Amino acid sequence: MSIATTIFRRPDYESDTTLFIAQLKAAKPTLEAEQRAGRALLWDKNIDRNAQTDINEGKVAQSAYVYQTKK
């Protein structure tokens, strides 16, 4: 960098959202661990592959227009 760019360089921009999240993490250091624990409760599940295969095989093809009456 030349001397002109270092003198006139503006500080890096941080949005209000970024500042809010940084303040929140500073105020509550256990936040990320709590988020991971909550995610593990609802989303991080082991999948039973055999049961999933049975479910996929049992699906019935849906017609193009569901509400069409059969004649």
PDB file of N, CA and C in Angstrom:
ATOM      1  N   MET A   1       0.837  -1.187   0.000  1.00  0.00           N
ATOM      2  CA  MET A   1       0.000   0.000   0.000  1.00  0.00           C
ATOM      3  C   MET A   1       0.870   1.234   0.000  1.00  0.00           C
ATOM      4  N   SER A   2       0.415   2.206  -0.731  1.00  0.00           N
ATOM      5  CA  SER A   2       1.161   3.450  -0.733  1.00  0.00           C
ATOM      6  C   SER A   2       0.749   4.281   0.480  1.00  0.00           C
ATOM      7  N   ILE A   3       1.513   5.301   0.753  1.00  0.00           N
ATOM      8  CA  ILE A   3       1.246   6.155   1.915  1.00  0.00           C
ATOM      9  C   ILE A   3      -0.076   6.888   1.773  1.00  0.00           C
ATOM     10  N   ALA A   4      -0.468   7.221   0.542  1.00  0.00           N
ATOM     11  CA  ALA A   4      -1.730   7.937   0.325  1.00  0.00           C
ATOM     12  C   ALA A   4      -2.927   7.052   0.688  1.00  0.00           C
ATOM     13  N   THR A   5      -2.864   5.768   0.364  1.00  0.00           N
ATOM     14  CA  THR A   5      -3.995   4.895   0.680  1.00  0.00           C
ATOM     15  C   THR A   5      -4.072   4.584   2.165  1.00  0.00           C
ATOM     16  N   THR A   6      -2.937   4.571   2.861  1.00  0.00           N
ATOM     17  CA  THR A   6      -2.991   4.304   4.297  1.00  0.00           C
ATOM     18  C   THR A   6      -3.486   5.514   5.079  1.00  0.00           C
ATOM     19  N   ILE A   7      -3.240   6.707   4.605  1.00  0.00           N
ATOM     20  CA  ILE A   7      -3.705   7.909   5.304  1.00  0.00           C
ATOM     21  C   ILE A   7      -5.208   8.075   5.154  1.00  0.00           C
ATOM     22  N   PHE A   8      -5.713   7.841   3.942  1.00  0.00           N
ATOM     23  CA  PHE A   8      -7.118   8.087   3.671  1.00  0.00           C
ATOM     24  C   PHE A   8      -7.997   6.843   3.814  1.00  0.00           C
ATOM     25  N   ARG A   9      -7.436   5.773   4.317  1.00  0.00           N
ATOM     26  CA  ARG A   9      -8.208   4.539   4.454  1.00  0.00           C
ATOM     27  C   ARG A   9      -9.268   4.699   5.531  1.00  0.00           C
ATOM     28  N   ARG A  10     -10.499   4.342   5.176  1.00  0.00           N
ATOM     29  CA  ARG A  10     -11.587   4.392   6.141  1.00  0.00           C
ATOM     30  C   ARG A  10     -11.635   3.076   6.911  1.00  0.00           C
ATOM     31  N   PRO A  11     -12.157   3.093   8.127  1.00  0.00           N
ATOM     32  CA  PRO A  11     -12.264   1.836   8.873  1.00  0.00           C
ATOM     33  C   PRO A  11     -13.228   0.877   8.179  1.00  0.00           C
ATOM     34  N   ASP A  12     -13.023  -0.396   8.393  1.00  0.00           N
ATOM     35  CA  ASP A  12     -13.885  -1.400   7.781  1.00  0.00           C
ATOM     36  C   ASP A  12     -15.316  -1.240   8.282  1.00  0.00           C
ATOM     37  N   TYR A  13     -16.255  -1.417   7.394  1.00  0.00           N
ATOM     38  CA  TYR A  13     -17.672  -1.260   7.725  1.00  0.00           C
ATOM     39  C   TYR A  13     -18.173  -2.500   8.443  1.00  0.00           C
ATOM     40  N   GLU A  14     -18.952  -2.295   9.503  1.00  0.00           N
ATOM     41  CA  GLU A  14     -19.653  -3.380  10.177  1.00  0.00           C
ATOM     42  C   GLU A  14     -21.110  -2.972  10.313  1.00  0.00           C
ATOM     43  N   SER A  15     -21.994  -3.819   9.848  1.00  0.00           N
ATOM     44  CA  SER A  15     -23.423  -3.497   9.882  1.00  0.00           C
ATOM     45  C   SER A  15     -23.945  -3.526  11.313  1.00  0.00           C
ATOM     46  N   ASP A  16     -25.123  -2.962  11.487  1.00  0.00           N
ATOM     47  CA  ASP A  16     -25.762  -2.969  12.799  1.00  0.00           C
ATOM     48  C   ASP A  16     -26.016  -4.398  13.278  1.00  0.00           C
ATOM     49  N   THR A  17     -26.362  -5.262  12.350  1.00  0.00           N
ATOM     50  CA  THR A  17     -26.620  -6.663  12.696  1.00  0.00           C
ATOM     51  C   THR A  17     -25.355  -7.341  13.199  1.00  0.00           C
ATOM     52  N   THR A  18     -24.243  -7.102  12.514  1.00  0.00           N
ATOM     53  CA  THR A  18     -22.968  -7.682  12.935  1.00  0.00           C
ATOM     54  C   THR A  18     -22.577  -7.182  14.319  1.00  0.00           C
ATOM     55  N   LEU A  19     -22.759  -5.900  14.571  1.00  0.00           N
ATOM     56  CA  LEU A  19     -22.443  -5.337  15.883  1.00  0.00           C
ATOM     57  C   LEU A  19     -23.351  -5.920  16.961  1.00  0.00           C
ATOM     58  N   PHE A  20     -24.640  -6.099  16.647  1.00  0.00           N
ATOM     59  CA  PHE A  20     -25.574  -6.677  17.599  1.00  0.00           C
ATOM     60  C   PHE A  20     -25.172  -8.097  17.970  1.00  0.00           C
ATOM     61  N   ILE A  21     -24.822  -8.906  16.972  1.00  0.00           N
ATOM     62  CA  ILE A  21     -24.437 -10.293  17.228  1.00  0.00           C
ATOM     63  C   ILE A  21     -23.150 -10.344  18.047  1.00  0.00           C
ATOM     64  N   ALA A  22     -22.207  -9.477  17.747  1.00  0.00           N
ATOM     65  CA  ALA A  22     -20.956  -9.436  18.516  1.00  0.00           C
ATOM     66  C   ALA A  22     -21.233  -9.066  19.973  1.00  0.00           C
ATOM     67  N   GLN A  23     -22.117  -8.099  20.194  1.00  0.00           N
ATOM     68  CA  GLN A  23     -22.475  -7.719  21.567  1.00  0.00           C
ATOM     69  C   GLN A  23     -23.202  -8.846  22.280  1.00  0.00           C
ATOM     70  N   LEU A  24     -24.075  -9.529  21.569  1.00  0.00           N
ATOM     71  CA  LEU A  24     -24.816 -10.638  22.156  1.00  0.00           C
ATOM     72  C   LEU A  24     -23.883 -11.769  22.566  1.00  0.00           C
ATOM     73  N   LYS A  25     -22.920 -12.100  21.706  1.00  0.00           N
ATOM     74  CA  LYS A  25     -21.953 -13.151  22.028  1.00  0.00           C
ATOM     75  C   LYS A  25     -21.057 -12.746  23.191  1.00  0.00           C
ATOM     76  N   ALA A  26     -20.716 -11.462  23.277  1.00  0.00           N
ATOM     77  CA  ALA A  26     -19.888 -10.983  24.382  1.00  0.00           C
ATOM     78  C   ALA A  26     -20.667 -11.026  25.695  1.00  0.00           C
ATOM     79  N   ALA A  27     -21.955 -10.714  25.647  1.00  0.00           N
ATOM     80  CA  ALA A  27     -22.775 -10.716  26.854  1.00  0.00           C
ATOM     81  C   ALA A  27     -23.114 -12.131  27.312  1.00  0.00           C
ATOM     82  N   LYS A  28     -23.238 -13.059  26.372  1.00  0.00           N
ATOM     83  CA  LYS A  28     -23.616 -14.432  26.716  1.00  0.00           C
ATOM     84  C   LYS A  28     -22.673 -15.403  26.004  1.00  0.00           C
ATOM     85  N   PRO A  29     -21.530 -15.707  26.605  1.00  0.00           N
ATOM     86  CA  PRO A  29     -20.529 -16.552  25.935  1.00  0.00           C
ATOM     87  C   PRO A  29     -20.997 -17.987  25.670  1.00  0.00           C
ATOM     88  N   THR A  30     -22.007 -18.450  26.362  1.00  0.00           N
ATOM     89  CA  THR A  30     -22.477 -19.829  26.161  1.00  0.00           C
ATOM     90  C   THR A  30     -23.517 -19.939  25.049  1.00  0.00           C
ATOM     91  N   LEU A  31     -23.778 -18.865  24.359  1.00  0.00           N
ATOM     92  CA  LEU A  31     -24.838 -18.832  23.356  1.00  0.00           C
ATOM     93  C   LEU A  31     -24.625 -19.863  22.247  1.00  0.00           C
ATOM     94  N   GLU A  32     -23.440 -19.948  21.704  1.00  0.00           N
ATOM     95  CA  GLU A  32     -23.191 -20.879  20.592  1.00  0.00           C
ATOM     96  C   GLU A  32     -23.354 -22.331  21.033  1.00  0.00           C
ATOM     97  N   ALA A  33     -22.901 -22.660  22.239  1.00  0.00           N
ATOM     98  CA  ALA A  33     -23.060 -24.023  22.749  1.00  0.00           C
ATOM     99  C   ALA A  33     -24.539 -24.359  22.937  1.00  0.00           C
ATOM    100  N   GLU A  34     -25.319 -23.391  23.414  1.00  0.00           N
ATOM    101  CA  GLU A  34     -26.755 -23.600  23.583  1.00  0.00           C
ATOM    102  C   GLU A  34     -27.441 -23.781  22.233  1.00  0.00           C
ATOM    103  N   GLN A  35     -27.005 -23.034  21.235  1.00  0.00           N
ATOM    104  CA  GLN A  35     -27.579 -23.179  19.894  1.00  0.00           C
ATOM    105  C   GLN A  35     -27.272 -24.559  19.329  1.00  0.00           C
ATOM    106  N   ARG A  36     -26.046 -25.033  19.527  1.00  0.00           N
ATOM    107  CA  ARG A  36     -25.686 -26.376  19.035  1.00  0.00           C
ATOM    108  C   ARG A  36     -26.508 -27.448  19.731  1.00  0.00           C
ATOM    109  N   ALA A  37     -26.731 -27.294  21.044  1.00  0.00           N
ATOM    110  CA  ALA A  37     -27.525 -28.268  21.796  1.00  0.00           C
ATOM    111  C   ALA A  37     -28.969 -28.268  21.295  1.00  0.00           C
ATOM    112  N   GLY A  38     -29.523 -27.091  21.022  1.00  0.00           N
ATOM    113  CA  GLY A  38     -30.878 -27.007  20.493  1.00  0.00           C
ATOM    114  C   GLY A  38     -30.995 -27.613  19.109  1.00  0.00           C
ATOM    115  N   ARG A  39     -29.985 -27.401  18.297  1.00  0.00           N
ATOM    116  CA  ARG A  39     -29.994 -27.987  16.958  1.00  0.00           C
ATOM    117  C   ARG A  39     -29.932 -29.509  17.047  1.00  0.00           C
ATOM    118  N   ALA A  40     -29.123 -30.016  17.947  1.00  0.00           N
ATOM    119  CA  ALA A  40     -28.990 -31.465  18.103  1.00  0.00           C
ATOM    120  C   ALA A  40     -30.319 -32.092  18.528  1.00  0.00           C
ATOM    121  N   LEU A  41     -31.102 -31.362  19.305  1.00  0.00           N
ATOM    122  CA  LEU A  41     -32.397 -31.877  19.746  1.00  0.00           C
ATOM    123  C   LEU A  41     -33.346 -32.107  18.579  1.00  0.00           C
ATOM    124  N   LEU A  42     -33.363 -31.170  17.632  1.00  0.00           N
ATOM    125  CA  LEU A  42     -34.369 -31.222  16.586  1.00  0.00           C
ATOM    126  C   LEU A  42     -33.871 -31.745  15.241  1.00  0.00           C
ATOM    127  N   TRP A  43     -32.625 -31.492  14.901  1.00  0.00           N
ATOM    128  CA  TRP A  43     -32.187 -31.725  13.530  1.00  0.00           C
ATOM    129  C   TRP A  43     -31.132 -32.797  13.366  1.00  0.00           C
ATOM    130  N   ASP A  44     -30.196 -32.890  14.253  1.00  0.00           N
ATOM    131  CA  ASP A  44     -29.078 -33.825  14.083  1.00  0.00           C
ATOM    132  C   ASP A  44     -29.481 -35.209  14.571  1.00  0.00           C
ATOM    133  N   LYS A  45     -30.156 -35.945  13.725  1.00  0.00           N
ATOM    134  CA  LYS A  45     -30.655 -37.271  14.068  1.00  0.00           C
ATOM    135  C   LYS A  45     -29.981 -38.321  13.192  1.00  0.00           C
ATOM    136  N   ASN A  46     -29.812 -39.508  13.753  1.00  0.00           N
ATOM    137  CA  ASN A  46     -29.326 -40.624  12.956  1.00  0.00           C
ATOM    138  C   ASN A  46     -30.496 -41.196  12.173  1.00  0.00           C
ATOM    139  N   ILE A  47     -30.273 -41.495  10.921  1.00  0.00           N
ATOM    140  CA  ILE A  47     -31.332 -41.979  10.044  1.00  0.00           C
ATOM    141  C   ILE A  47     -31.261 -43.494   9.954  1.00  0.00           C
ATOM    142  N   ASP A  48     -32.410 -44.138  10.148  1.00  0.00           N
ATOM    143  CA  ASP A  48     -32.505 -45.588   9.967  1.00  0.00           C
ATOM    144  C   ASP A  48     -32.706 -45.838   8.474  1.00  0.00           C
ATOM    145  N   ARG A  49     -31.662 -46.279   7.802  1.00  0.00           N
ATOM    146  CA  ARG A  49     -31.698 -46.426   6.344  1.00  0.00           C
ATOM    147  C   ARG A  49     -32.726 -47.470   5.897  1.00  0.00           C
ATOM    148  N   ASN A  50     -32.890 -48.553   6.660  1.00  0.00           N
ATOM    149  CA  ASN A  50     -33.855 -49.581   6.275  1.00  0.00           C
ATOM    150  C   ASN A  50     -35.278 -49.040   6.345  1.00  0.00           C
ATOM    151  N   ALA A  51     -35.589 -48.294   7.398  1.00  0.00           N
ATOM    152  CA  ALA A  51     -36.923 -47.714   7.525  1.00  0.00           C
ATOM    153  C   ALA A  51     -37.153 -46.680   6.417  1.00  0.00           C
ATOM    154  N   GLN A  52     -36.140 -45.909   6.089  1.00  0.00           N
ATOM    155  CA  GLN A  52     -36.272 -44.904   5.034  1.00  0.00           C
ATOM    156  C   GLN A  52     -36.519 -45.568   3.681  1.00  0.00           C
ATOM    157  N   THR A  53     -35.859 -46.686   3.433  1.00  0.00           N
ATOM    158  CA  THR A  53     -36.076 -47.428   2.189  1.00  0.00           C
ATOM    159  C   THR A  53     -37.508 -47.939   2.120  1.00  0.00           C
ATOM    160  N   ASP A  54     -38.015 -48.489   3.242  1.00  0.00           N
ATOM    161  CA  ASP A  54     -39.397 -48.972   3.278  1.00  0.00           C
ATOM    162  C   ASP A  54     -40.389 -47.838   3.028  1.00  0.00           C
ATOM    163  N   ILE A  55     -40.151 -46.688   3.605  1.00  0.00           N
ATOM    164  CA  ILE A  55     -41.040 -45.538   3.413  1.00  0.00           C
ATOM    165  C   ILE A  55     -41.043 -45.115   1.951  1.00  0.00           C
ATOM    166  N   ASN A  56     -39.865 -45.048   1.337  1.00  0.00           N
ATOM    167  CA  ASN A  56     -39.775 -44.645  -0.070  1.00  0.00           C
ATOM    168  C   ASN A  56     -40.447 -45.648  -0.995  1.00  0.00           C
ATOM    169  N   GLU A  57     -40.331 -46.927  -0.688  1.00  0.00           N
ATOM    170  CA  GLU A  57     -40.955 -47.955  -1.525  1.00  0.00           C
ATOM    171  C   GLU A  57     -42.472 -47.938  -1.385  1.00  0.00           C
ATOM    172  N   GLY A  58     -42.994 -47.494  -0.257  1.00  0.00           N
ATOM    173  CA  GLY A  58     -44.422 -47.489  -0.010  1.00  0.00           C
ATOM    174  C   GLY A  58     -45.142 -46.268  -0.543  1.00  0.00           C
ATOM    175  N   LYS A  59     -44.439 -45.329  -1.131  1.00  0.00           N
ATOM    176  CA  LYS A  59     -45.082 -44.122  -1.645  1.00  0.00           C
ATOM    177  C   LYS A  59     -45.890 -44.432  -2.898  1.00  0.00           C
ATOM    178  N   VAL A  60     -47.040 -43.770  -3.014  1.00  0.00           N
ATOM    179  CA  VAL A  60     -47.911 -43.932  -4.173  1.00  0.00           C
ATOM    180  C   VAL A  60     -47.774 -42.691  -5.033  1.00  0.00           C
ATOM    181  N   ALA A  61     -47.668 -42.883  -6.337  1.00  0.00           N
ATOM    182  CA  ALA A  61     -47.520 -41.756  -7.249  1.00  0.00           C
ATOM    183  C   ALA A  61     -48.783 -40.907  -7.220  1.00  0.00           C
ATOM    184  N   GLN A  62     -48.597 -39.609  -7.185  1.00  0.00           N
ATOM    185  CA  GLN A  62     -49.717 -38.677  -7.130  1.00  0.00           C
ATOM    186  C   GLN A  62     -50.095 -38.263  -8.547  1.00  0.00           C
ATOM    187  N   SER A  63     -51.400 -38.101  -8.785  1.00  0.00           N
ATOM    188  CA  SER A  63     -51.841 -37.690 -10.117  1.00  0.00           C
ATOM    189  C   SER A  63     -51.459 -36.231 -10.362  1.00  0.00           C
ATOM    190  N   ALA A  64     -51.491 -35.840 -11.627  1.00  0.00           N
ATOM    191  CA  ALA A  64     -51.067 -34.497 -11.994  1.00  0.00           C
ATOM    192  C   ALA A  64     -51.965 -33.439 -11.365  1.00  0.00           C
ATOM    193  N   TYR A  65     -53.260 -33.687 -11.338  1.00  0.00           N
ATOM    194  CA  TYR A  65     -54.191 -32.751 -10.720  1.00  0.00           C
ATOM    195  C   TYR A  65     -54.920 -33.509  -9.620  1.00  0.00           C
ATOM    196  N   VAL A  66     -54.613 -33.193  -8.399  1.00  0.00           N
ATOM    197  CA  VAL A  66     -55.075 -33.973  -7.258  1.00  0.00           C
ATOM    198  C   VAL A  66     -56.590 -33.951  -7.105  1.00  0.00           C
ATOM    199  N   TYR A  67     -57.219 -32.835  -7.420  1.00  0.00           N
ATOM    200  CA  TYR A  67     -58.651 -32.690  -7.162  1.00  0.00           C
ATOM    201  C   TYR A  67     -59.523 -33.152  -8.320  1.00  0.00           C
ATOM    202  N   GLN A  68     -58.951 -33.720  -9.347  1.00  0.00           N
ATOM    203  CA  GLN A  68     -59.710 -34.239 -10.487  1.00  0.00           C
ATOM    204  C   GLN A  68     -60.475 -35.468 -10.042  1.00  0.00           C
ATOM    205  N   THR A  69     -61.792 -35.488 -10.335  1.00  0.00           N
ATOM    206  CA  THR A  69     -62.601 -36.660  -9.995  1.00  0.00           C
ATOM    207  C   THR A  69     -62.427 -37.714 -11.066  1.00  0.00           C
ATOM    208  N   LYS A  70     -62.477 -38.950 -10.660  1.00  0.00           N
ATOM    209  CA  LYS A  70     -62.331 -40.057 -11.612  1.00  0.00           C
ATOM    210  C   LYS A  70     -63.696 -40.357 -12.208  1.00  0.00           C
ATOM    211  N   LYS A  71     -63.756 -40.589 -13.509  1.00  0.00           N
ATOM    212  CA  LYS A  71     -65.032 -40.885 -14.177  1.00  0.00           C
ATOM    213  C   LYS A  71     -65.141 -42.326 -14.515  1.00  0.00           C
TER     214      LYS A  71
END
